[in-house]
């Protein structure tokens, strides 16, 4: 595992002074649950990283778009901070491969699960903030988050929002999501969700209801737009 950590540090261009912060950032709650000797996981760092991310996104967007109104900036921020966008950035640096997970989570595709990738990216940013401060955090954000997502297709970064906007523009009812199947043990549930837009229906699956809804919405967006 230590070799994976060193490889990740090289990949992101940042070497931690406090290695324990990196280890914690890469520890999924399921790993702590299955290993009682492990005293912490990445949830607190995720909480911190979420706030750091919001600050860096807001600062970057206001500097890069001096003429944009508040509403435009808010819309751009929502795209960059969406779960799909963050998962894409996390996958780009192979964070899923470095994530320490419980056996059940790992065997059910946890390394590729959007919610896990989003969480570990925020936790890593929070760890860098504590270890290296604002300068290091901004460098990581610019190189591995904003650069990856700037210019990306907004429709597929936030498919649920895109689908709702499409329905409103067409004068259709707001898309409705419903769980049509739920299976697997409690620690590794699999959901199938159907979204209905007018007379059309699309299905998506995922390890959480949110992921399944996002996947269903993405199929709808690809089909309708």
C-alpha atoms as a PDB file:
ATOM      1  CA  UNK A   1       0.000   0.000   0.000  1.00  0.00           C
ATOM      2  CA  UNK A   2       2.863   2.377   0.788  1.00  0.00           C
ATOM      3  CA  UNK A   3       4.131   1.973  -2.774  1.00  0.00           C
ATOM      4  CA  UNK A   4       0.684   2.964  -4.066  1.00  0.00           C
ATOM      5  CA  UNK A   5       0.790   6.059  -1.868  1.00  0.00           C
ATOM      6  CA  UNK A   6       4.209   7.031  -3.225  1.00  0.00           C
ATOM      7  CA  UNK A   7       3.018   6.493  -6.795  1.00  0.00           C
ATOM      8  CA  UNK A   8      -0.006   8.689  -6.129  1.00  0.00           C
ATOM      9  CA  UNK A   9       2.150  11.450  -4.653  1.00  0.00           C
ATOM     10  CA  UNK A  10       4.259  11.413  -7.801  1.00  0.00           C
ATOM     11  CA  UNK A  11       1.157  11.428  -9.997  1.00  0.00           C
ATOM     12  CA  UNK A  12      -0.390  14.439  -8.283  1.00  0.00           C
ATOM     13  CA  UNK A  13       2.888  16.301  -7.887  1.00  0.00           C
ATOM     14  CA  UNK A  14       2.654  16.694  -4.127  1.00  0.00           C
ATOM     15  CA  UNK A  15       4.629  14.904  -1.395  1.00  0.00           C
ATOM     16  CA  UNK A  16       3.001  14.815   2.013  1.00  0.00           C
ATOM     17  CA  UNK A  17       5.001  15.829   5.051  1.00  0.00           C
ATOM     18  CA  UNK A  18       2.466  14.026   7.256  1.00  0.00           C
ATOM     19  CA  UNK A  19       1.866  10.656   5.580  1.00  0.00           C
ATOM     20  CA  UNK A  20      -0.898   9.855   8.055  1.00  0.00           C
ATOM     21  CA  UNK A  21      -3.067  12.527   6.429  1.00  0.00           C
ATOM     22  CA  UNK A  22      -2.731  10.850   3.031  1.00  0.00           C
ATOM     23  CA  UNK A  23      -3.510   7.436   4.521  1.00  0.00           C
ATOM     24  CA  UNK A  24      -6.612   8.795   6.241  1.00  0.00           C
ATOM     25  CA  UNK A  25      -7.799  10.557   3.071  1.00  0.00           C
ATOM     26  CA  UNK A  26      -7.644   7.223   1.243  1.00  0.00           C
ATOM     27  CA  UNK A  27      -9.466   5.216   3.933  1.00  0.00           C
ATOM     28  CA  UNK A  28     -13.111   4.438   3.139  1.00  0.00           C
ATOM     29  CA  UNK A  29     -15.488   4.010   6.127  1.00  0.00           C
ATOM     30  CA  UNK A  30     -16.017   0.366   5.171  1.00  0.00           C
ATOM     31  CA  UNK A  31     -12.303  -0.335   5.771  1.00  0.00           C
ATOM     32  CA  UNK A  32     -12.509   1.142   9.255  1.00  0.00           C
ATOM     33  CA  UNK A  33     -15.656  -0.893   9.932  1.00  0.00           C
ATOM     34  CA  UNK A  34     -13.915  -4.155   9.032  1.00  0.00           C
ATOM     35  CA  UNK A  35     -10.674  -3.259  10.850  1.00  0.00           C
ATOM     36  CA  UNK A  36     -11.365  -2.212  14.469  1.00  0.00           C
ATOM     37  CA  UNK A  37      -7.715  -1.212  14.976  1.00  0.00           C
ATOM     38  CA  UNK A  38      -8.149   1.547  12.367  1.00  0.00           C
ATOM     39  CA  UNK A  39      -9.348   4.569  14.319  1.00  0.00           C
ATOM     40  CA  UNK A  40     -10.339   6.996  11.578  1.00  0.00           C
ATOM     41  CA  UNK A  41     -11.574   7.250   7.987  1.00  0.00           C
ATOM     42  CA  UNK A  42     -11.818   9.998   5.382  1.00  0.00           C
ATOM     43  CA  UNK A  43     -15.199  11.496   6.309  1.00  0.00           C
ATOM     44  CA  UNK A  44     -13.857  14.435   8.333  1.00  0.00           C
ATOM     45  CA  UNK A  45     -11.319  15.266   5.629  1.00  0.00           C
ATOM     46  CA  UNK A  46     -14.086  15.039   3.040  1.00  0.00           C
ATOM     47  CA  UNK A  47     -16.082  17.613   5.014  1.00  0.00           C
ATOM     48  CA  UNK A  48     -13.091  19.958   5.079  1.00  0.00           C
ATOM     49  CA  UNK A  49     -12.211  19.349   1.443  1.00  0.00           C
ATOM     50  CA  UNK A  50     -15.740  20.174   0.326  1.00  0.00           C
ATOM     51  CA  UNK A  51     -15.397  23.665   1.814  1.00  0.00           C
ATOM     52  CA  UNK A  52     -11.909  24.147   0.384  1.00  0.00           C
ATOM     53  CA  UNK A  53     -13.201  23.073  -3.021  1.00  0.00           C
ATOM     54  CA  UNK A  54     -16.060  25.572  -2.858  1.00  0.00           C
ATOM     55  CA  UNK A  55     -13.629  28.382  -2.037  1.00  0.00           C
ATOM     56  CA  UNK A  56     -11.222  27.521  -4.868  1.00  0.00           C
ATOM     57  CA  UNK A  57     -13.983  27.112  -7.440  1.00  0.00           C
ATOM     58  CA  UNK A  58     -15.593  30.424  -6.493  1.00  0.00           C
ATOM     59  CA  UNK A  59     -12.245  32.247  -6.536  1.00  0.00           C
ATOM     60  CA  UNK A  60     -11.220  30.780  -9.903  1.00  0.00           C
ATOM     61  CA  UNK A  61     -14.558  31.443 -11.592  1.00  0.00           C
ATOM     62  CA  UNK A  62     -14.769  35.070 -10.453  1.00  0.00           C
ATOM     63  CA  UNK A  63     -11.229  35.726 -11.679  1.00  0.00           C
ATOM     64  CA  UNK A  64     -11.747  33.971 -15.022  1.00  0.00           C
ATOM     65  CA  UNK A  65     -15.178  35.484 -15.711  1.00  0.00           C
ATOM     66  CA  UNK A  66     -15.029  39.161 -14.647  1.00  0.00           C
ATOM     67  CA  UNK A  67     -18.206  40.070 -16.550  1.00  0.00           C
ATOM     68  CA  UNK A  68     -20.345  37.134 -15.376  1.00  0.00           C
ATOM     69  CA  UNK A  69     -23.358  37.803 -13.179  1.00  0.00           C
ATOM     70  CA  UNK A  70     -23.894  35.965  -9.903  1.00  0.00           C
ATOM     71  CA  UNK A  71     -26.438  33.621 -11.465  1.00  0.00           C
ATOM     72  CA  UNK A  72     -24.025  32.608 -14.217  1.00  0.00           C
ATOM     73  CA  UNK A  73     -21.230  32.005 -11.709  1.00  0.00           C
ATOM     74  CA  UNK A  74     -23.551  29.913  -9.569  1.00  0.00           C
ATOM     75  CA  UNK A  75     -24.497  27.766 -12.543  1.00  0.00           C
ATOM     76  CA  UNK A  76     -20.866  27.234 -13.526  1.00  0.00           C
ATOM     77  CA  UNK A  77     -19.986  26.362  -9.944  1.00  0.00           C
ATOM     78  CA  UNK A  78     -22.769  23.792  -9.726  1.00  0.00           C
ATOM     79  CA  UNK A  79     -21.392  22.036 -12.814  1.00  0.00           C
ATOM     80  CA  UNK A  80     -17.797  21.949 -11.532  1.00  0.00           C
ATOM     81  CA  UNK A  81     -18.836  20.829  -8.039  1.00  0.00           C
ATOM     82  CA  UNK A  82     -21.237  18.113  -9.188  1.00  0.00           C
ATOM     83  CA  UNK A  83     -20.603  14.536  -8.157  1.00  0.00           C
ATOM     84  CA  UNK A  84     -20.105  13.431 -11.750  1.00  0.00           C
ATOM     85  CA  UNK A  85     -17.521  16.143 -12.380  1.00  0.00           C
ATOM     86  CA  UNK A  86     -15.523  15.342  -9.253  1.00  0.00           C
ATOM     87  CA  UNK A  87     -15.685  11.610  -9.946  1.00  0.00           C
ATOM     88  CA  UNK A  88     -14.283  12.273 -13.419  1.00  0.00           C
ATOM     89  CA  UNK A  89     -11.383  14.253 -11.961  1.00  0.00           C
ATOM     90  CA  UNK A  90     -10.723  11.540  -9.374  1.00  0.00           C
ATOM     91  CA  UNK A  91     -10.721   8.815 -12.023  1.00  0.00           C
ATOM     92  CA  UNK A  92      -8.218  10.804 -14.064  1.00  0.00           C
ATOM     93  CA  UNK A  93      -5.600  10.332 -11.321  1.00  0.00           C
ATOM     94  CA  UNK A  94      -6.719   6.768 -10.504  1.00  0.00           C
ATOM     95  CA  UNK A  95      -7.802   7.567  -6.951  1.00  0.00           C
ATOM     96  CA  UNK A  96     -10.095   4.541  -6.884  1.00  0.00           C
ATOM     97  CA  UNK A  97      -7.104   2.216  -7.150  1.00  0.00           C
ATOM     98  CA  UNK A  98      -5.563   3.759  -4.033  1.00  0.00           C
ATOM     99  CA  UNK A  99      -8.721   3.754  -1.905  1.00  0.00           C
ATOM    100  CA  UNK A 100      -8.600   1.420   1.109  1.00  0.00           C
ATOM    101  CA  UNK A 101     -11.997  -0.290   1.289  1.00  0.00           C
ATOM    102  CA  UNK A 102     -13.636  -3.157   3.102  1.00  0.00           C
ATOM    103  CA  UNK A 103     -13.837  -6.473   1.261  1.00  0.00           C
ATOM    104  CA  UNK A 104     -17.550  -6.130   0.548  1.00  0.00           C
ATOM    105  CA  UNK A 105     -17.238  -2.613  -0.855  1.00  0.00           C
ATOM    106  CA  UNK A 106     -14.238  -3.579  -2.975  1.00  0.00           C
ATOM    107  CA  UNK A 107     -15.886  -6.695  -4.390  1.00  0.00           C
ATOM    108  CA  UNK A 108     -18.935  -4.674  -5.437  1.00  0.00           C
ATOM    109  CA  UNK A 109     -17.046  -2.178  -7.555  1.00  0.00           C
ATOM    110  CA  UNK A 110     -16.444   0.441  -4.883  1.00  0.00           C
ATOM    111  CA  UNK A 111     -13.257   1.667  -6.571  1.00  0.00           C
ATOM    112  CA  UNK A 112     -15.298   2.910  -9.544  1.00  0.00           C
ATOM    113  CA  UNK A 113     -18.380   4.104  -7.647  1.00  0.00           C
ATOM    114  CA  UNK A 114     -19.056   7.772  -8.327  1.00  0.00           C
ATOM    115  CA  UNK A 115     -19.898   8.669  -4.729  1.00  0.00           C
ATOM    116  CA  UNK A 116     -16.667   7.060  -3.473  1.00  0.00           C
ATOM    117  CA  UNK A 117     -14.552   8.875  -6.065  1.00  0.00           C
ATOM    118  CA  UNK A 118     -16.179  12.199  -5.250  1.00  0.00           C
ATOM    119  CA  UNK A 119     -15.630  11.684  -1.524  1.00  0.00           C
ATOM    120  CA  UNK A 120     -11.998  10.604  -1.789  1.00  0.00           C
ATOM    121  CA  UNK A 121     -11.117  13.539  -4.062  1.00  0.00           C
ATOM    122  CA  UNK A 122     -12.566  15.987  -1.539  1.00  0.00           C
ATOM    123  CA  UNK A 123     -10.801  14.158   1.303  1.00  0.00           C
ATOM    124  CA  UNK A 124      -7.493  14.334  -0.555  1.00  0.00           C
ATOM    125  CA  UNK A 125      -7.946  18.070  -1.118  1.00  0.00           C
ATOM    126  CA  UNK A 126      -8.721  18.496   2.587  1.00  0.00           C
ATOM    127  CA  UNK A 127      -5.561  16.556   3.490  1.00  0.00           C
ATOM    128  CA  UNK A 128      -3.442  18.722   1.189  1.00  0.00           C
ATOM    129  CA  UNK A 129      -4.946  21.843   2.772  1.00  0.00           C
ATOM    130  CA  UNK A 130      -3.920  20.665   6.251  1.00  0.00           C
ATOM    131  CA  UNK A 131      -0.485  19.485   5.106  1.00  0.00           C
ATOM    132  CA  UNK A 132       0.531  22.223   2.690  1.00  0.00           C
ATOM    133  CA  UNK A 133      -1.914  25.098   3.062  1.00  0.00           C
ATOM    134  CA  UNK A 134      -3.600  27.277   0.455  1.00  0.00           C
ATOM    135  CA  UNK A 135      -0.744  27.348  -2.064  1.00  0.00           C
ATOM    136  CA  UNK A 136      -0.486  23.567  -2.312  1.00  0.00           C
ATOM    137  CA  UNK A 137      -4.279  23.176  -2.403  1.00  0.00           C
ATOM    138  CA  UNK A 138      -4.627  25.689  -5.210  1.00  0.00           C
ATOM    139  CA  UNK A 139      -1.898  23.990  -7.231  1.00  0.00           C
ATOM    140  CA  UNK A 140      -3.614  20.608  -6.868  1.00  0.00           C
ATOM    141  CA  UNK A 141      -7.009  22.129  -7.737  1.00  0.00           C
ATOM    142  CA  UNK A 142      -5.703  23.948 -10.816  1.00  0.00           C
ATOM    143  CA  UNK A 143      -3.848  20.944 -12.174  1.00  0.00           C
ATOM    144  CA  UNK A 144      -6.094  18.025 -11.291  1.00  0.00           C
ATOM    145  CA  UNK A 145      -9.616  19.409 -10.915  1.00  0.00           C
ATOM    146  CA  UNK A 146     -10.213  22.660 -12.788  1.00  0.00           C
ATOM    147  CA  UNK A 147      -7.968  21.836 -15.744  1.00  0.00           C
ATOM    148  CA  UNK A 148      -9.680  18.465 -16.178  1.00  0.00           C
ATOM    149  CA  UNK A 149     -13.202  19.879 -16.032  1.00  0.00           C
ATOM    150  CA  UNK A 150     -12.832  23.272 -17.699  1.00  0.00           C
ATOM    151  CA  UNK A 151     -14.536  22.992 -21.063  1.00  0.00           C
ATOM    152  CA  UNK A 152     -16.064  19.612 -20.291  1.00  0.00           C
ATOM    153  CA  UNK A 153     -19.584  18.938 -21.545  1.00  0.00           C
ATOM    154  CA  UNK A 154     -21.878  20.425 -18.849  1.00  0.00           C
ATOM    155  CA  UNK A 155     -24.879  18.409 -20.018  1.00  0.00           C
ATOM    156  CA  UNK A 156     -23.259  15.157 -18.933  1.00  0.00           C
ATOM    157  CA  UNK A 157     -21.449  16.536 -15.882  1.00  0.00           C
ATOM    158  CA  UNK A 158     -24.817  17.351 -14.328  1.00  0.00           C
ATOM    159  CA  UNK A 159     -27.292  15.125 -16.211  1.00  0.00           C
ATOM    160  CA  UNK A 160     -30.138  15.457 -13.687  1.00  0.00           C
ATOM    161  CA  UNK A 161     -30.019  19.240 -13.893  1.00  0.00           C
ATOM    162  CA  UNK A 162     -29.784  19.127 -17.676  1.00  0.00           C
ATOM    163  CA  UNK A 163     -32.753  16.772 -17.898  1.00  0.00           C
ATOM    164  CA  UNK A 164     -34.880  19.010 -15.681  1.00  0.00           C
ATOM    165  CA  UNK A 165     -33.995  22.084 -17.743  1.00  0.00           C
ATOM    166  CA  UNK A 166     -34.893  20.187 -20.929  1.00  0.00           C
ATOM    167  CA  UNK A 167     -38.301  19.239 -19.515  1.00  0.00           C
ATOM    168  CA  UNK A 168     -39.022  22.800 -18.418  1.00  0.00           C
ATOM    169  CA  UNK A 169     -38.082  24.252 -21.809  1.00  0.00           C
ATOM    170  CA  UNK A 170     -40.349  21.732 -23.536  1.00  0.00           C
ATOM    171  CA  UNK A 171     -43.227  22.426 -21.178  1.00  0.00           C
ATOM    172  CA  UNK A 172     -43.094  18.871 -19.791  1.00  0.00           C
ATOM    173  CA  UNK A 173     -43.628  17.743 -16.202  1.00  0.00           C
ATOM    174  CA  UNK A 174     -40.529  17.550 -13.994  1.00  0.00           C
ATOM    175  CA  UNK A 175     -38.783  14.172 -14.512  1.00  0.00           C
ATOM    176  CA  UNK A 176     -39.838  11.585 -11.952  1.00  0.00           C
ATOM    177  CA  UNK A 177     -37.409   9.053 -10.477  1.00  0.00           C
ATOM    178  CA  UNK A 178     -38.443   5.827  -8.798  1.00  0.00           C
ATOM    179  CA  UNK A 179     -36.549   2.828  -7.477  1.00  0.00           C
ATOM    180  CA  UNK A 180     -37.719  -0.290  -9.299  1.00  0.00           C
ATOM    181  CA  UNK A 181     -35.214  -2.760  -7.846  1.00  0.00           C
ATOM    182  CA  UNK A 182     -32.944  -2.982  -4.817  1.00  0.00           C
ATOM    183  CA  UNK A 183     -30.662  -5.915  -4.108  1.00  0.00           C
ATOM    184  CA  UNK A 184     -27.510  -7.002  -2.317  1.00  0.00           C
ATOM    185  CA  UNK A 185     -26.406  -6.871   1.350  1.00  0.00           C
ATOM    186  CA  UNK A 186     -26.707  -3.677   3.380  1.00  0.00           C
ATOM    187  CA  UNK A 187     -23.041  -2.732   2.941  1.00  0.00           C
ATOM    188  CA  UNK A 188     -23.157  -3.207  -0.846  1.00  0.00           C
ATOM    189  CA  UNK A 189     -26.643  -2.366  -2.077  1.00  0.00           C
ATOM    190  CA  UNK A 190     -27.385  -2.117  -5.795  1.00  0.00           C
ATOM    191  CA  UNK A 191     -30.217   0.115  -6.985  1.00  0.00           C
ATOM    192  CA  UNK A 192     -32.067   0.284 -10.284  1.00  0.00           C
ATOM    193  CA  UNK A 193     -33.889   3.555 -10.881  1.00  0.00           C
ATOM    194  CA  UNK A 194     -36.252   4.538 -13.681  1.00  0.00           C
ATOM    195  CA  UNK A 195     -36.723   8.140 -14.751  1.00  0.00           C
ATOM    196  CA  UNK A 196     -39.810   9.129 -16.721  1.00  0.00           C
ATOM    197  CA  UNK A 197     -39.844  12.134 -19.047  1.00  0.00           C
ATOM    198  CA  UNK A 198     -43.216  12.555 -20.734  1.00  0.00           C
ATOM    199  CA  UNK A 199     -43.823   9.184 -22.416  1.00  0.00           C
ATOM    200  CA  UNK A 200     -40.172   8.089 -22.290  1.00  0.00           C
ATOM    201  CA  UNK A 201     -38.547   5.979 -19.570  1.00  0.00           C
ATOM    202  CA  UNK A 202     -34.863   5.291 -18.946  1.00  0.00           C
ATOM    203  CA  UNK A 203     -33.174   3.055 -16.377  1.00  0.00           C
ATOM    204  CA  UNK A 204     -29.866   3.272 -14.564  1.00  0.00           C
ATOM    205  CA  UNK A 205     -28.130   1.234 -11.874  1.00  0.00           C
ATOM    206  CA  UNK A 206     -25.662   2.184  -9.145  1.00  0.00           C
ATOM    207  CA  UNK A 207     -24.369   1.456  -5.677  1.00  0.00           C
ATOM    208  CA  UNK A 208     -26.521   4.245  -4.248  1.00  0.00           C
ATOM    209  CA  UNK A 209     -29.849   5.716  -5.222  1.00  0.00           C
ATOM    210  CA  UNK A 210     -28.078   8.931  -6.206  1.00  0.00           C
ATOM    211  CA  UNK A 211     -25.693   7.116  -8.549  1.00  0.00           C
ATOM    212  CA  UNK A 212     -28.554   5.143 -10.114  1.00  0.00           C
ATOM    213  CA  UNK A 213     -30.576   8.312 -10.681  1.00  0.00           C
ATOM    214  CA  UNK A 214     -27.573  10.009 -12.268  1.00  0.00           C
ATOM    215  CA  UNK A 215     -26.979   7.075 -14.617  1.00  0.00           C
ATOM    216  CA  UNK A 216     -30.639   6.978 -15.625  1.00  0.00           C
ATOM    217  CA  UNK A 217     -30.618  10.733 -16.254  1.00  0.00           C
ATOM    218  CA  UNK A 218     -27.448  10.430 -18.340  1.00  0.00           C
ATOM    219  CA  UNK A 219     -29.114   7.855 -20.576  1.00  0.00           C
ATOM    220  CA  UNK A 220     -32.098  10.163 -20.971  1.00  0.00           C
ATOM    221  CA  UNK A 221     -29.888  13.151 -21.818  1.00  0.00           C
ATOM    222  CA  UNK A 222     -27.918  11.182 -24.404  1.00  0.00           C
ATOM    223  CA  UNK A 223     -31.162  10.018 -26.016  1.00  0.00           C
ATOM    224  CA  UNK A 224     -33.235  13.213 -25.893  1.00  0.00           C
ATOM    225  CA  UNK A 225     -30.535  15.803 -26.538  1.00  0.00           C
END
